[in-house]
mmCIF file of all heavy atoms, coordinates in Angstrom:
data_MODEL
# 
_entry.id   MODEL 
# 
loop_
_atom_site.group_PDB 
_atom_site.id 
_atom_site.type_symbol 
_atom_site.label_atom_id 
_atom_site.label_alt_id 
_atom_site.label_comp_id 
_atom_site.label_asym_id 
_atom_site.label_entity_id 
_atom_site.label_seq_id 
_atom_site.pdbx_PDB_ins_code 
_atom_site.Cartn_x 
_atom_site.Cartn_y 
_atom_site.Cartn_z 
_atom_site.occupancy 
_atom_site.B_iso_or_equiv 
_atom_site.pdbx_formal_charge 
_atom_site.auth_seq_id 
_atom_site.auth_comp_id 
_atom_site.auth_asym_id 
_atom_site.auth_atom_id 
_atom_site.pdbx_PDB_model_num 
ATOM 1   N N   . LEU A 1 1  ? -105.688 151.954 70.188 1.00 0.00 ? 1  LEU A N   1 
ATOM 2   C CA  . LEU A 1 1  ? -105.031 150.944 71.009 1.00 0.00 ? 1  LEU A CA  1 
ATOM 3   C C   . LEU A 1 1  ? -105.573 149.568 70.632 1.00 0.00 ? 1  LEU A C   1 
ATOM 4   O O   . LEU A 1 1  ? -106.775 149.388 70.439 1.00 0.00 ? 1  LEU A O   1 
ATOM 5   C CB  . LEU A 1 1  ? -105.289 151.213 72.492 1.00 0.00 ? 1  LEU A CB  1 
ATOM 6   C CG  . LEU A 1 1  ? -104.803 152.558 73.039 1.00 0.00 ? 1  LEU A CG  1 
ATOM 7   C CD1 . LEU A 1 1  ? -105.129 152.670 74.521 1.00 0.00 ? 1  LEU A CD1 1 
ATOM 8   C CD2 . LEU A 1 1  ? -103.304 152.713 72.820 1.00 0.00 ? 1  LEU A CD2 1 
ATOM 9   N N   . LYS A 1 2  ? -104.666 148.616 70.532 1.00 0.00 ? 2  LYS A N   1 
ATOM 10  C CA  . LYS A 1 2  ? -105.067 147.245 70.190 1.00 0.00 ? 2  LYS A CA  1 
ATOM 11  C C   . LYS A 1 2  ? -105.607 146.554 71.436 1.00 0.00 ? 2  LYS A C   1 
ATOM 12  O O   . LYS A 1 2  ? -104.961 146.557 72.483 1.00 0.00 ? 2  LYS A O   1 
ATOM 13  C CB  . LYS A 1 2  ? -103.881 146.476 69.615 1.00 0.00 ? 2  LYS A CB  1 
ATOM 14  C CG  . LYS A 1 2  ? -103.379 147.027 68.292 1.00 0.00 ? 2  LYS A CG  1 
ATOM 15  C CD  . LYS A 1 2  ? -102.294 146.153 67.692 1.00 0.00 ? 2  LYS A CD  1 
ATOM 16  C CE  . LYS A 1 2  ? -101.029 146.185 68.525 1.00 0.00 ? 2  LYS A CE  1 
ATOM 17  N NZ  . LYS A 1 2  ? -99.939  145.388 67.893 1.00 0.00 ? 2  LYS A NZ  1 
ATOM 18  N N   . LEU A 1 3  ? -106.784 145.964 71.315 1.00 0.00 ? 3  LEU A N   1 
ATOM 19  C CA  . LEU A 1 3  ? -107.448 145.357 72.459 1.00 0.00 ? 3  LEU A CA  1 
ATOM 20  C C   . LEU A 1 3  ? -107.706 143.874 72.226 1.00 0.00 ? 3  LEU A C   1 
ATOM 21  O O   . LEU A 1 3  ? -108.101 143.454 71.137 1.00 0.00 ? 3  LEU A O   1 
ATOM 22  C CB  . LEU A 1 3  ? -108.764 146.082 72.740 1.00 0.00 ? 3  LEU A CB  1 
ATOM 23  C CG  . LEU A 1 3  ? -109.579 145.596 73.939 1.00 0.00 ? 3  LEU A CG  1 
ATOM 24  C CD1 . LEU A 1 3  ? -110.189 146.777 74.674 1.00 0.00 ? 3  LEU A CD1 1 
ATOM 25  C CD2 . LEU A 1 3  ? -110.683 144.624 73.526 1.00 0.00 ? 3  LEU A CD2 1 
ATOM 26  N N   . TYR A 1 4  ? -107.466 143.082 73.271 1.00 0.00 ? 4  TYR A N   1 
ATOM 27  C CA  . TYR A 1 4  ? -107.708 141.636 73.230 1.00 0.00 ? 4  TYR A CA  1 
ATOM 28  C C   . TYR A 1 4  ? -108.657 141.293 74.370 1.00 0.00 ? 4  TYR A C   1 
ATOM 29  O O   . TYR A 1 4  ? -108.568 141.864 75.461 1.00 0.00 ? 4  TYR A O   1 
ATOM 30  C CB  . TYR A 1 4  ? -106.389 140.884 73.405 1.00 0.00 ? 4  TYR A CB  1 
ATOM 31  C CG  . TYR A 1 4  ? -106.469 139.399 73.184 1.00 0.00 ? 4  TYR A CG  1 
ATOM 32  C CD1 . TYR A 1 4  ? -106.235 138.857 71.915 1.00 0.00 ? 4  TYR A CD1 1 
ATOM 33  C CD2 . TYR A 1 4  ? -106.765 138.524 74.222 1.00 0.00 ? 4  TYR A CD2 1 
ATOM 34  C CE1 . TYR A 1 4  ? -106.310 137.487 71.698 1.00 0.00 ? 4  TYR A CE1 1 
ATOM 35  C CE2 . TYR A 1 4  ? -106.839 137.158 74.012 1.00 0.00 ? 4  TYR A CE2 1 
ATOM 36  C CZ  . TYR A 1 4  ? -106.606 136.645 72.757 1.00 0.00 ? 4  TYR A CZ  1 
ATOM 37  O OH  . TYR A 1 4  ? -106.676 135.279 72.536 1.00 0.00 ? 4  TYR A OH  1 
ATOM 38  N N   . ILE A 1 5  ? -109.588 140.352 74.123 1.00 0.00 ? 5  ILE A N   1 
ATOM 39  C CA  . ILE A 1 5  ? -110.573 139.966 75.142 1.00 0.00 ? 5  ILE A CA  1 
ATOM 40  C C   . ILE A 1 5  ? -110.393 138.491 75.498 1.00 0.00 ? 5  ILE A C   1 
ATOM 41  O O   . ILE A 1 5  ? -110.353 137.627 74.616 1.00 0.00 ? 5  ILE A O   1 
ATOM 42  C CB  . ILE A 1 5  ? -112.013 140.207 74.650 1.00 0.00 ? 5  ILE A CB  1 
ATOM 43  C CG1 . ILE A 1 5  ? -112.216 141.679 74.270 1.00 0.00 ? 5  ILE A CG1 1 
ATOM 44  C CG2 . ILE A 1 5  ? -113.012 139.795 75.729 1.00 0.00 ? 5  ILE A CG2 1 
ATOM 45  C CD1 . ILE A 1 5  ? -113.588 141.972 73.660 1.00 0.00 ? 5  ILE A CD1 1 
ATOM 46  N N   . LEU A 1 6  ? -110.292 138.232 76.793 1.00 0.00 ? 6  LEU A N   1 
ATOM 47  C CA  . LEU A 1 6  ? -110.203 136.861 77.301 1.00 0.00 ? 6  LEU A CA  1 
ATOM 48  C C   . LEU A 1 6  ? -111.444 136.614 78.163 1.00 0.00 ? 6  LEU A C   1 
ATOM 49  O O   . LEU A 1 6  ? -111.514 137.042 79.309 1.00 0.00 ? 6  LEU A O   1 
ATOM 50  C CB  . LEU A 1 6  ? -108.923 136.683 78.119 1.00 0.00 ? 6  LEU A CB  1 
ATOM 51  C CG  . LEU A 1 6  ? -108.678 135.319 78.770 1.00 0.00 ? 6  LEU A CG  1 
ATOM 52  C CD1 . LEU A 1 6  ? -108.716 134.196 77.742 1.00 0.00 ? 6  LEU A CD1 1 
ATOM 53  C CD2 . LEU A 1 6  ? -107.345 135.317 79.506 1.00 0.00 ? 6  LEU A CD2 1 
ATOM 54  N N   . GLU A 1 7  ? -112.425 135.937 77.595 1.00 0.00 ? 7  GLU A N   1 
ATOM 55  C CA  . GLU A 1 7  ? -113.706 135.720 78.277 1.00 0.00 ? 7  GLU A CA  1 
ATOM 56  C C   . GLU A 1 7  ? -114.348 134.441 77.732 1.00 0.00 ? 7  GLU A C   1 
ATOM 57  O O   . GLU A 1 7  ? -114.467 134.274 76.511 1.00 0.00 ? 7  GLU A O   1 
ATOM 58  C CB  . GLU A 1 7  ? -114.622 136.923 78.045 1.00 0.00 ? 7  GLU A CB  1 
ATOM 59  C CG  . GLU A 1 7  ? -116.052 136.758 78.513 1.00 0.00 ? 7  GLU A CG  1 
ATOM 60  C CD  . GLU A 1 7  ? -116.152 136.456 79.992 1.00 0.00 ? 7  GLU A CD  1 
ATOM 61  O OE1 . GLU A 1 7  ? -115.751 137.310 80.811 1.00 0.00 ? 7  GLU A OE1 1 
ATOM 62  O OE2 . GLU A 1 7  ? -116.636 135.354 80.329 1.00 0.00 ? 7  GLU A OE2 1 
ATOM 63  N N   . ASP A 1 8  ? -114.765 133.531 78.625 1.00 0.00 ? 8  ASP A N   1 
ATOM 64  C CA  . ASP A 1 8  ? -115.299 132.248 78.169 1.00 0.00 ? 8  ASP A CA  1 
ATOM 65  C C   . ASP A 1 8  ? -116.826 132.170 78.183 1.00 0.00 ? 8  ASP A C   1 
ATOM 66  O O   . ASP A 1 8  ? -117.394 131.156 77.770 1.00 0.00 ? 8  ASP A O   1 
ATOM 67  C CB  . ASP A 1 8  ? -114.704 131.088 78.973 1.00 0.00 ? 8  ASP A CB  1 
ATOM 68  C CG  . ASP A 1 8  ? -114.973 131.197 80.470 1.00 0.00 ? 8  ASP A CG  1 
ATOM 69  O OD1 . ASP A 1 8  ? -115.662 132.148 80.882 1.00 0.00 ? 8  ASP A OD1 1 
ATOM 70  O OD2 . ASP A 1 8  ? -114.496 130.325 81.219 1.00 0.00 ? 8  ASP A OD2 1 
ATOM 71  N N   . GLU A 1 9  ? -117.501 133.219 78.646 1.00 0.00 ? 9  GLU A N   1 
ATOM 72  C CA  . GLU A 1 9  ? -118.961 133.230 78.588 1.00 0.00 ? 9  GLU A CA  1 
ATOM 73  C C   . GLU A 1 9  ? -119.383 133.953 77.304 1.00 0.00 ? 9  GLU A C   1 
ATOM 74  O O   . GLU A 1 9  ? -119.145 135.158 77.152 1.00 0.00 ? 9  GLU A O   1 
ATOM 75  C CB  . GLU A 1 9  ? -119.546 133.936 79.806 1.00 0.00 ? 9  GLU A CB  1 
ATOM 76  C CG  . GLU A 1 9  ? -119.277 133.210 81.125 1.00 0.00 ? 9  GLU A CG  1 
ATOM 77  C CD  . GLU A 1 9  ? -119.974 133.877 82.292 1.00 0.00 ? 9  GLU A CD  1 
ATOM 78  O OE1 . GLU A 1 9  ? -121.181 134.179 82.177 1.00 0.00 ? 9  GLU A OE1 1 
ATOM 79  O OE2 . GLU A 1 9  ? -119.304 134.112 83.312 1.00 0.00 ? 9  GLU A OE2 1 
ATOM 80  N N   . VAL A 1 10 ? -120.017 133.224 76.402 1.00 0.00 ? 10 VAL A N   1 
ATOM 81  C CA  . VAL A 1 10 ? -120.347 133.755 75.069 1.00 0.00 ? 10 VAL A CA  1 
ATOM 82  C C   . VAL A 1 10 ? -121.222 135.001 75.159 1.00 0.00 ? 10 VAL A C   1 
ATOM 83  O O   . VAL A 1 10 ? -121.002 135.983 74.441 1.00 0.00 ? 10 VAL A O   1 
ATOM 84  C CB  . VAL A 1 10 ? -121.040 132.675 74.219 1.00 0.00 ? 10 VAL A CB  1 
ATOM 85  C CG1 . VAL A 1 10 ? -121.478 133.261 72.866 1.00 0.00 ? 10 VAL A CG1 1 
ATOM 86  C CG2 . VAL A 1 10 ? -120.113 131.492 74.004 1.00 0.00 ? 10 VAL A CG2 1 
ATOM 87  N N   . ARG A 1 11 ? -122.188 134.974 76.041 1.00 0.00 ? 11 ARG A N   1 
ATOM 88  C CA  . ARG A 1 11 ? -123.095 136.122 76.174 1.00 0.00 ? 11 ARG A CA  1 
ATOM 89  C C   . ARG A 1 11 ? -122.338 137.379 76.588 1.00 0.00 ? 11 ARG A C   1 
ATOM 90  O O   . ARG A 1 11 ? -122.553 138.462 76.025 1.00 0.00 ? 11 ARG A O   1 
ATOM 91  C CB  . ARG A 1 11 ? -124.183 135.791 77.203 1.00 0.00 ? 11 ARG A CB  1 
ATOM 92  C CG  . ARG A 1 11 ? -125.132 136.939 77.500 1.00 0.00 ? 11 ARG A CG  1 
ATOM 93  C CD  . ARG A 1 11 ? -126.170 136.500 78.538 1.00 0.00 ? 11 ARG A CD  1 
ATOM 94  N NE  . ARG A 1 11 ? -125.527 135.977 79.738 1.00 0.00 ? 11 ARG A NE  1 
ATOM 95  C CZ  . ARG A 1 11 ? -125.083 136.733 80.720 1.00 0.00 ? 11 ARG A CZ  1 
ATOM 96  N NH1 . ARG A 1 11 ? -125.190 138.061 80.633 1.00 0.00 ? 11 ARG A NH1 1 
ATOM 97  N NH2 . ARG A 1 11 ? -124.533 136.198 81.787 1.00 0.00 ? 11 ARG A NH2 1 
ATOM 98  N N   . ILE A 1 12 ? -121.435 137.221 77.535 1.00 0.00 ? 12 ILE A N   1 
ATOM 99  C CA  . ILE A 1 12 ? -120.653 138.367 78.003 1.00 0.00 ? 12 ILE A CA  1 
ATOM 100 C C   . ILE A 1 12 ? -119.682 138.830 76.923 1.00 0.00 ? 12 ILE A C   1 
ATOM 101 O O   . ILE A 1 12 ? -119.492 140.036 76.710 1.00 0.00 ? 12 ILE A O   1 
ATOM 102 C CB  . ILE A 1 12 ? -119.895 138.016 79.297 1.00 0.00 ? 12 ILE A CB  1 
ATOM 103 C CG1 . ILE A 1 12 ? -120.895 137.762 80.421 1.00 0.00 ? 12 ILE A CG1 1 
ATOM 104 C CG2 . ILE A 1 12 ? -118.925 139.131 79.686 1.00 0.00 ? 12 ILE A CG2 1 
ATOM 105 C CD1 . ILE A 1 12 ? -120.271 137.345 81.724 1.00 0.00 ? 12 ILE A CD1 1 
ATOM 106 N N   . LEU A 1 13 ? -119.068 137.883 76.218 1.00 0.00 ? 13 LEU A N   1 
ATOM 107 C CA  . LEU A 1 13 ? -118.153 138.232 75.125 1.00 0.00 ? 13 LEU A CA  1 
ATOM 108 C C   . LEU A 1 13 ? -118.865 139.076 74.066 1.00 0.00 ? 13 LEU A C   1 
ATOM 109 O O   . LEU A 1 13 ? -118.332 140.097 73.616 1.00 0.00 ? 13 LEU A O   1 
ATOM 110 C CB  . LEU A 1 13 ? -117.573 136.967 74.495 1.00 0.00 ? 13 LEU A CB  1 
ATOM 111 C CG  . LEU A 1 13 ? -116.707 137.178 73.254 1.00 0.00 ? 13 LEU A CG  1 
ATOM 112 C CD1 . LEU A 1 13 ? -115.483 138.025 73.585 1.00 0.00 ? 13 LEU A CD1 1 
ATOM 113 C CD2 . LEU A 1 13 ? -116.287 135.836 72.656 1.00 0.00 ? 13 LEU A CD2 1 
ATOM 114 N N   . LYS A 1 14 ? -120.060 138.672 73.672 1.00 0.00 ? 14 LYS A N   1 
ATOM 115 C CA  . LYS A 1 14 ? -120.813 139.426 72.668 1.00 0.00 ? 14 LYS A CA  1 
ATOM 116 C C   . LYS A 1 14 ? -121.124 140.834 73.164 1.00 0.00 ? 14 LYS A C   1 
ATOM 117 O O   . LYS A 1 14 ? -121.047 141.811 72.409 1.00 0.00 ? 14 LYS A O   1 
ATOM 118 C CB  . LYS A 1 14 ? -122.109 138.688 72.319 1.00 0.00 ? 14 LYS A CB  1 
ATOM 119 C CG  . LYS A 1 14 ? -121.889 137.415 71.504 1.00 0.00 ? 14 LYS A CG  1 
ATOM 120 C CD  . LYS A 1 14 ? -123.224 136.752 71.176 1.00 0.00 ? 14 LYS A CD  1 
ATOM 121 C CE  . LYS A 1 14 ? -123.011 135.506 70.323 1.00 0.00 ? 14 LYS A CE  1 
ATOM 122 N NZ  . LYS A 1 14 ? -124.316 134.828 70.020 1.00 0.00 ? 14 LYS A NZ  1 
ATOM 123 N N   . HIS A 1 15 ? -121.466 140.930 74.436 1.00 0.00 ? 15 HIS A N   1 
ATOM 124 C CA  . HIS A 1 15 ? -121.768 142.241 75.029 1.00 0.00 ? 15 HIS A CA  1 
ATOM 125 C C   . HIS A 1 15 ? -120.526 143.134 75.016 1.00 0.00 ? 15 HIS A C   1 
ATOM 126 O O   . HIS A 1 15 ? -120.600 144.319 74.652 1.00 0.00 ? 15 HIS A O   1 
ATOM 127 C CB  . HIS A 1 15 ? -122.269 142.036 76.456 1.00 0.00 ? 15 HIS A CB  1 
ATOM 128 C CG  . HIS A 1 15 ? -122.604 143.303 77.183 1.00 0.00 ? 15 HIS A CG  1 
ATOM 129 N ND1 . HIS A 1 15 ? -123.519 144.224 76.715 1.00 0.00 ? 15 HIS A ND1 1 
ATOM 130 C CD2 . HIS A 1 15 ? -122.136 143.813 78.363 1.00 0.00 ? 15 HIS A CD2 1 
ATOM 131 C CE1 . HIS A 1 15 ? -123.611 145.241 77.554 1.00 0.00 ? 15 HIS A CE1 1 
ATOM 132 N NE2 . HIS A 1 15 ? -122.768 145.027 78.564 1.00 0.00 ? 15 HIS A NE2 1 
ATOM 133 N N   . LEU A 1 16 ? -119.377 142.560 75.354 1.00 0.00 ? 16 LEU A N   1 
ATOM 134 C CA  . LEU A 1 16 ? -118.126 143.323 75.357 1.00 0.00 ? 16 LEU A CA  1 
ATOM 135 C C   . LEU A 1 16 ? -117.764 143.789 73.948 1.00 0.00 ? 16 LEU A C   1 
ATOM 136 O O   . LEU A 1 16 ? -117.380 144.942 73.744 1.00 0.00 ? 16 LEU A O   1 
ATOM 137 C CB  . LEU A 1 16 ? -116.995 142.468 75.927 1.00 0.00 ? 16 LEU A CB  1 
ATOM 138 C CG  . LEU A 1 16 ? -117.063 142.138 77.419 1.00 0.00 ? 16 LEU A CG  1 
ATOM 139 C CD1 . LEU A 1 16 ? -116.005 141.102 77.782 1.00 0.00 ? 16 LEU A CD1 1 
ATOM 140 C CD2 . LEU A 1 16 ? -116.889 143.397 78.260 1.00 0.00 ? 16 LEU A CD2 1 
ATOM 141 N N   . LEU A 1 17 ? -117.890 142.893 72.990 1.00 0.00 ? 17 LEU A N   1 
ATOM 142 C CA  . LEU A 1 17 ? -117.559 143.241 71.607 1.00 0.00 ? 17 LEU A CA  1 
ATOM 143 C C   . LEU A 1 17 ? -118.457 144.374 71.101 1.00 0.00 ? 17 LEU A C   1 
ATOM 144 O O   . LEU A 1 17 ? -117.993 145.286 70.410 1.00 0.00 ? 17 LEU A O   1 
ATOM 145 C CB  . LEU A 1 17 ? -117.696 142.018 70.706 1.00 0.00 ? 17 LEU A CB  1 
ATOM 146 C CG  . LEU A 1 17 ? -116.604 140.955 70.844 1.00 0.00 ? 17 LEU A CG  1 
ATOM 147 C CD1 . LEU A 1 17 ? -116.981 139.695 70.089 1.00 0.00 ? 17 LEU A CD1 1 
ATOM 148 C CD2 . LEU A 1 17 ? -115.266 141.492 70.342 1.00 0.00 ? 17 LEU A CD2 1 
ATOM 149 N N   . GLN A 1 18 ? -119.713 144.321 71.467 1.00 0.00 ? 18 GLN A N   1 
ATOM 150 C CA  . GLN A 1 18 ? -120.642 145.369 71.053 1.00 0.00 ? 18 GLN A CA  1 
ATOM 151 C C   . GLN A 1 18 ? -120.222 146.727 71.611 1.00 0.00 ? 18 GLN A C   1 
ATOM 152 O O   . GLN A 1 18 ? -120.277 147.754 70.920 1.00 0.00 ? 18 GLN A O   1 
ATOM 153 C CB  . GLN A 1 18 ? -122.058 145.023 71.515 1.00 0.00 ? 18 GLN A CB  1 
ATOM 154 C CG  . GLN A 1 18 ? -123.108 146.046 71.085 1.00 0.00 ? 18 GLN A CG  1 
ATOM 155 C CD  . GLN A 1 18 ? -124.499 145.661 71.557 1.00 0.00 ? 18 GLN A CD  1 
ATOM 156 O OE1 . GLN A 1 18 ? -124.662 144.697 72.290 1.00 0.00 ? 18 GLN A OE1 1 
ATOM 157 N NE2 . GLN A 1 18 ? -125.497 146.406 71.138 1.00 0.00 ? 18 GLN A NE2 1 
ATOM 158 N N   . ILE A 1 19 ? -119.782 146.728 72.858 1.00 0.00 ? 19 ILE A N   1 
ATOM 159 C CA  . ILE A 1 19 ? -119.384 147.989 73.497 1.00 0.00 ? 19 ILE A CA  1 
ATOM 160 C C   . ILE A 1 19 ? -118.092 148.521 72.886 1.00 0.00 ? 19 ILE A C   1 
ATOM 161 O O   . ILE A 1 19 ? -118.009 149.688 72.481 1.00 0.00 ? 19 ILE A O   1 
ATOM 162 C CB  . ILE A 1 19 ? -119.191 147.790 75.016 1.00 0.00 ? 19 ILE A CB  1 
ATOM 163 C CG1 . ILE A 1 19 ? -120.516 147.424 75.683 1.00 0.00 ? 19 ILE A CG1 1 
ATOM 164 C CG2 . ILE A 1 19 ? -118.614 149.065 75.650 1.00 0.00 ? 19 ILE A CG2 1 
ATOM 165 C CD1 . ILE A 1 19 ? -120.382 147.033 77.143 1.00 0.00 ? 19 ILE A CD1 1 
ATOM 166 N N   . VAL A 1 20 ? -117.064 147.678 72.813 1.00 0.00 ? 20 VAL A N   1 
ATOM 167 C CA  . VAL A 1 20 ? -115.741 148.164 72.418 1.00 0.00 ? 20 VAL A CA  1 
ATOM 168 C C   . VAL A 1 20 ? -115.661 148.491 70.925 1.00 0.00 ? 20 VAL A C   1 
ATOM 169 O O   . VAL A 1 20 ? -114.861 149.340 70.515 1.00 0.00 ? 20 VAL A O   1 
ATOM 170 C CB  . VAL A 1 20 ? -114.635 147.157 72.805 1.00 0.00 ? 20 VAL A CB  1 
ATOM 171 C CG1 . VAL A 1 20 ? -114.614 146.948 74.311 1.00 0.00 ? 20 VAL A CG1 1 
ATOM 172 C CG2 . VAL A 1 20 ? -114.799 145.833 72.079 1.00 0.00 ? 20 VAL A CG2 1 
ATOM 173 N N   . GLN A 1 21 ? -116.466 147.826 70.113 1.00 0.00 ? 21 GLN A N   1 
ATOM 174 C CA  . GLN A 1 21 ? -116.410 148.107 68.683 1.00 0.00 ? 21 GLN A CA  1 
ATOM 175 C C   . GLN A 1 21 ? -116.952 149.499 68.345 1.00 0.00 ? 21 GLN A C   1 
ATOM 176 O O   . GLN A 1 21 ? -116.705 150.018 67.263 1.00 0.00 ? 21 GLN A O   1 
ATOM 177 C CB  . GLN A 1 21 ? -117.172 147.025 67.914 1.00 0.00 ? 21 GLN A CB  1 
ATOM 178 C CG  . GLN A 1 21 ? -116.396 145.718 67.838 1.00 0.00 ? 21 GLN A CG  1 
ATOM 179 C CD  . GLN A 1 21 ? -117.196 144.578 67.251 1.00 0.00 ? 21 GLN A CD  1 
ATOM 180 O OE1 . GLN A 1 21 ? -118.406 144.681 67.060 1.00 0.00 ? 21 GLN A OE1 1 
ATOM 181 N NE2 . GLN A 1 21 ? -116.526 143.472 66.941 1.00 0.00 ? 21 GLN A NE2 1 
ATOM 182 N N   . GLU A 1 22 ? -117.664 150.099 69.281 1.00 0.00 ? 22 GLU A N   1 
ATOM 183 C CA  . GLU A 1 22 ? -118.176 151.458 69.085 1.00 0.00 ? 22 GLU A CA  1 
ATOM 184 C C   . GLU A 1 22 ? -117.225 152.507 69.632 1.00 0.00 ? 22 GLU A C   1 
ATOM 185 O O   . GLU A 1 22 ? -117.475 153.706 69.524 1.00 0.00 ? 22 GLU A O   1 
ATOM 186 C CB  . GLU A 1 22 ? -119.548 151.597 69.756 1.00 0.00 ? 22 GLU A CB  1 
ATOM 187 C CG  . GLU A 1 22 ? -120.624 150.695 69.149 1.00 0.00 ? 22 GLU A CG  1 
ATOM 188 C CD  . GLU A 1 22 ? -121.938 150.778 69.902 1.00 0.00 ? 22 GLU A CD  1 
ATOM 189 O OE1 . GLU A 1 22 ? -121.983 151.510 70.914 1.00 0.00 ? 22 GLU A OE1 1 
ATOM 190 O OE2 . GLU A 1 22 ? -122.906 150.119 69.487 1.00 0.00 ? 22 GLU A OE2 1 
ATOM 191 N N   . ASN A 1 23 ? -116.120 152.064 70.240 1.00 0.00 ? 23 ASN A N   1 
ATOM 192 C CA  . ASN A 1 23 ? -115.168 152.986 70.839 1.00 0.00 ? 23 ASN A CA  1 
ATOM 193 C C   . ASN A 1 23 ? -114.112 153.379 69.813 1.00 0.00 ? 23 ASN A C   1 
ATOM 194 O O   . ASN A 1 23 ? -113.417 152.515 69.279 1.00 0.00 ? 23 ASN A O   1 
ATOM 195 C CB  . ASN A 1 23 ? -114.508 152.334 72.065 1.00 0.00 ? 23 ASN A CB  1 
ATOM 196 C CG  . ASN A 1 23 ? -113.717 153.328 72.889 1.00 0.00 ? 23 ASN A CG  1 
ATOM 197 O OD1 . ASN A 1 23 ? -112.849 154.016 72.386 1.00 0.00 ? 23 ASN A OD1 1 
ATOM 198 N ND2 . ASN A 1 23 ? -114.015 153.386 74.187 1.00 0.00 ? 23 ASN A ND2 1 
ATOM 199 N N   . PRO A 1 24 ? -113.956 154.672 69.523 1.00 0.00 ? 24 PRO A N   1 
ATOM 200 C CA  . PRO A 1 24 ? -113.002 155.094 68.489 1.00 0.00 ? 24 PRO A CA  1 
ATOM 201 C C   . PRO A 1 24 ? -111.544 154.940 68.903 1.00 0.00 ? 24 PRO A C   1 
ATOM 202 O O   . PRO A 1 24 ? -110.655 155.003 68.056 1.00 0.00 ? 24 PRO A O   1 
ATOM 203 C CB  . PRO A 1 24 ? -113.345 156.579 68.287 1.00 0.00 ? 24 PRO A CB  1 
ATOM 204 C CG  . PRO A 1 24 ? -113.924 157.011 69.599 1.00 0.00 ? 24 PRO A CG  1 
ATOM 205 C CD  . PRO A 1 24 ? -114.679 155.818 70.117 1.00 0.00 ? 24 PRO A CD  1 
ATOM 206 N N   . TYR A 1 25 ? -111.286 154.702 70.200 1.00 0.00 ? 25 TYR A N   1 
ATOM 207 C CA  . TYR A 1 25 ? -109.912 154.629 70.686 1.00 0.00 ? 25 TYR A CA  1 
ATOM 208 C C   . TYR A 1 25 ? -109.313 153.233 70.574 1.00 0.00 ? 25 TYR A C   1 
ATOM 209 O O   . TYR A 1 25 ? -108.105 153.068 70.729 1.00 0.00 ? 25 TYR A O   1 
ATOM 210 C CB  . TYR A 1 25 ? -109.831 155.065 72.163 1.00 0.00 ? 25 TYR A CB  1 
ATOM 211 C CG  . TYR A 1 25 ? -110.331 156.457 72.432 1.00 0.00 ? 25 TYR A CG  1 
ATOM 212 C CD1 . TYR A 1 25 ? -111.167 156.714 73.510 1.00 0.00 ? 25 TYR A CD1 1 
ATOM 213 C CD2 . TYR A 1 25 ? -109.967 157.529 71.612 1.00 0.00 ? 25 TYR A CD2 1 
ATOM 214 C CE1 . TYR A 1 25 ? -111.628 158.003 73.769 1.00 0.00 ? 25 TYR A CE1 1 
ATOM 215 C CE2 . TYR A 1 25 ? -110.420 158.809 71.870 1.00 0.00 ? 25 TYR A CE2 1 
ATOM 216 C CZ  . TYR A 1 25 ? -111.252 159.040 72.948 1.00 0.00 ? 25 TYR A CZ  1 
ATOM 217 O OH  . TYR A 1 25 ? -111.705 160.320 73.193 1.00 0.00 ? 25 TYR A OH  1 
ATOM 218 N N   . VAL A 1 26 ? -110.143 152.224 70.361 1.00 0.00 ? 26 VAL A N   1 
ATOM 219 C CA  . VAL A 1 26 ? -109.628 150.854 70.400 1.00 0.00 ? 26 VAL A CA  1 
ATOM 220 C C   . VAL A 1 26 ? -109.946 150.072 69.123 1.00 0.00 ? 26 VAL A C   1 
ATOM 221 O O   . VAL A 1 26 ? -110.926 150.349 68.436 1.00 0.00 ? 26 VAL A O   1 
ATOM 222 C CB  . VAL A 1 26 ? -110.176 150.083 71.627 1.00 0.00 ? 26 VAL A CB  1 
ATOM 223 C CG1 . VAL A 1 26 ? -109.802 150.761 72.923 1.00 0.00 ? 26 VAL A CG1 1 
ATOM 224 C CG2 . VAL A 1 26 ? -111.677 149.890 71.527 1.00 0.00 ? 26 VAL A CG2 1 
ATOM 225 N N   . GLN A 1 27 ? -109.084 149.100 68.861 1.00 0.00 ? 27 GLN A N   1 
ATOM 226 C CA  . GLN A 1 27 ? -109.279 148.170 67.750 1.00 0.00 ? 27 GLN A CA  1 
ATOM 227 C C   . GLN A 1 27 ? -109.166 146.763 68.311 1.00 0.00 ? 27 GLN A C   1 
ATOM 228 O O   . GLN A 1 27 ? -108.137 146.393 68.887 1.00 0.00 ? 27 GLN A O   1 
ATOM 229 C CB  . GLN A 1 27 ? -108.213 148.380 66.672 1.00 0.00 ? 27 GLN A CB  1 
ATOM 230 C CG  . GLN A 1 27 ? -108.257 147.331 65.569 1.00 0.00 ? 27 GLN A CG  1 
ATOM 231 C CD  . GLN A 1 27 ? -107.016 147.372 64.695 1.00 0.00 ? 27 GLN A CD  1 
ATOM 232 O OE1 . GLN A 1 27 ? -106.093 148.144 64.956 1.00 0.00 ? 27 GLN A OE1 1 
ATOM 233 N NE2 . GLN A 1 27 ? -106.978 146.529 63.681 1.00 0.00 ? 27 GLN A NE2 1 
ATOM 234 N N   . VAL A 1 28 ? -110.216 145.974 68.174 1.00 0.00 ? 28 VAL A N   1 
ATOM 235 C CA  . VAL A 1 28 ? -110.191 144.601 68.672 1.00 0.00 ? 28 VAL A CA  1 
ATOM 236 C C   . VAL A 1 28 ? -109.325 143.752 67.743 1.00 0.00 ? 28 VAL A C   1 
ATOM 237 O O   . VAL A 1 28 ? -109.609 143.628 66.553 1.00 0.00 ? 28 VAL A O   1 
ATOM 238 C CB  . VAL A 1 28 ? -111.613 144.010 68.760 1.00 0.00 ? 28 VAL A CB  1 
ATOM 239 C CG1 . VAL A 1 28 ? -111.552 142.562 69.260 1.00 0.00 ? 28 VAL A CG1 1 
ATOM 240 C CG2 . VAL A 1 28 ? -112.491 144.852 69.674 1.00 0.00 ? 28 VAL A CG2 1 
ATOM 241 N N   . VAL A 1 29 ? -108.255 143.174 68.301 1.00 0.00 ? 29 VAL A N   1 
ATOM 242 C CA  . VAL A 1 29 ? -107.345 142.372 67.488 1.00 0.00 ? 29 VAL A CA  1 
ATOM 243 C C   . VAL A 1 29 ? -107.532 140.876 67.706 1.00 0.00 ? 29 VAL A C   1 
ATOM 244 O O   . VAL A 1 29 ? -106.960 140.053 66.978 1.00 0.00 ? 29 VAL A O   1 
ATOM 245 C CB  . VAL A 1 29 ? -105.872 142.750 67.750 1.00 0.00 ? 29 VAL A CB  1 
ATOM 246 C CG1 . VAL A 1 29 ? -105.603 144.168 67.291 1.00 0.00 ? 29 VAL A CG1 1 
ATOM 247 C CG2 . VAL A 1 29 ? -105.498 142.570 69.222 1.00 0.00 ? 29 VAL A CG2 1 
# 
């Protein structure tokens, strides 16, 4: 599934990217 993130706090964005990039079901677009 294609995933998009809308988040303006850099620290939280990095944390989210770290989590979702390890998930085999999603692709960050």
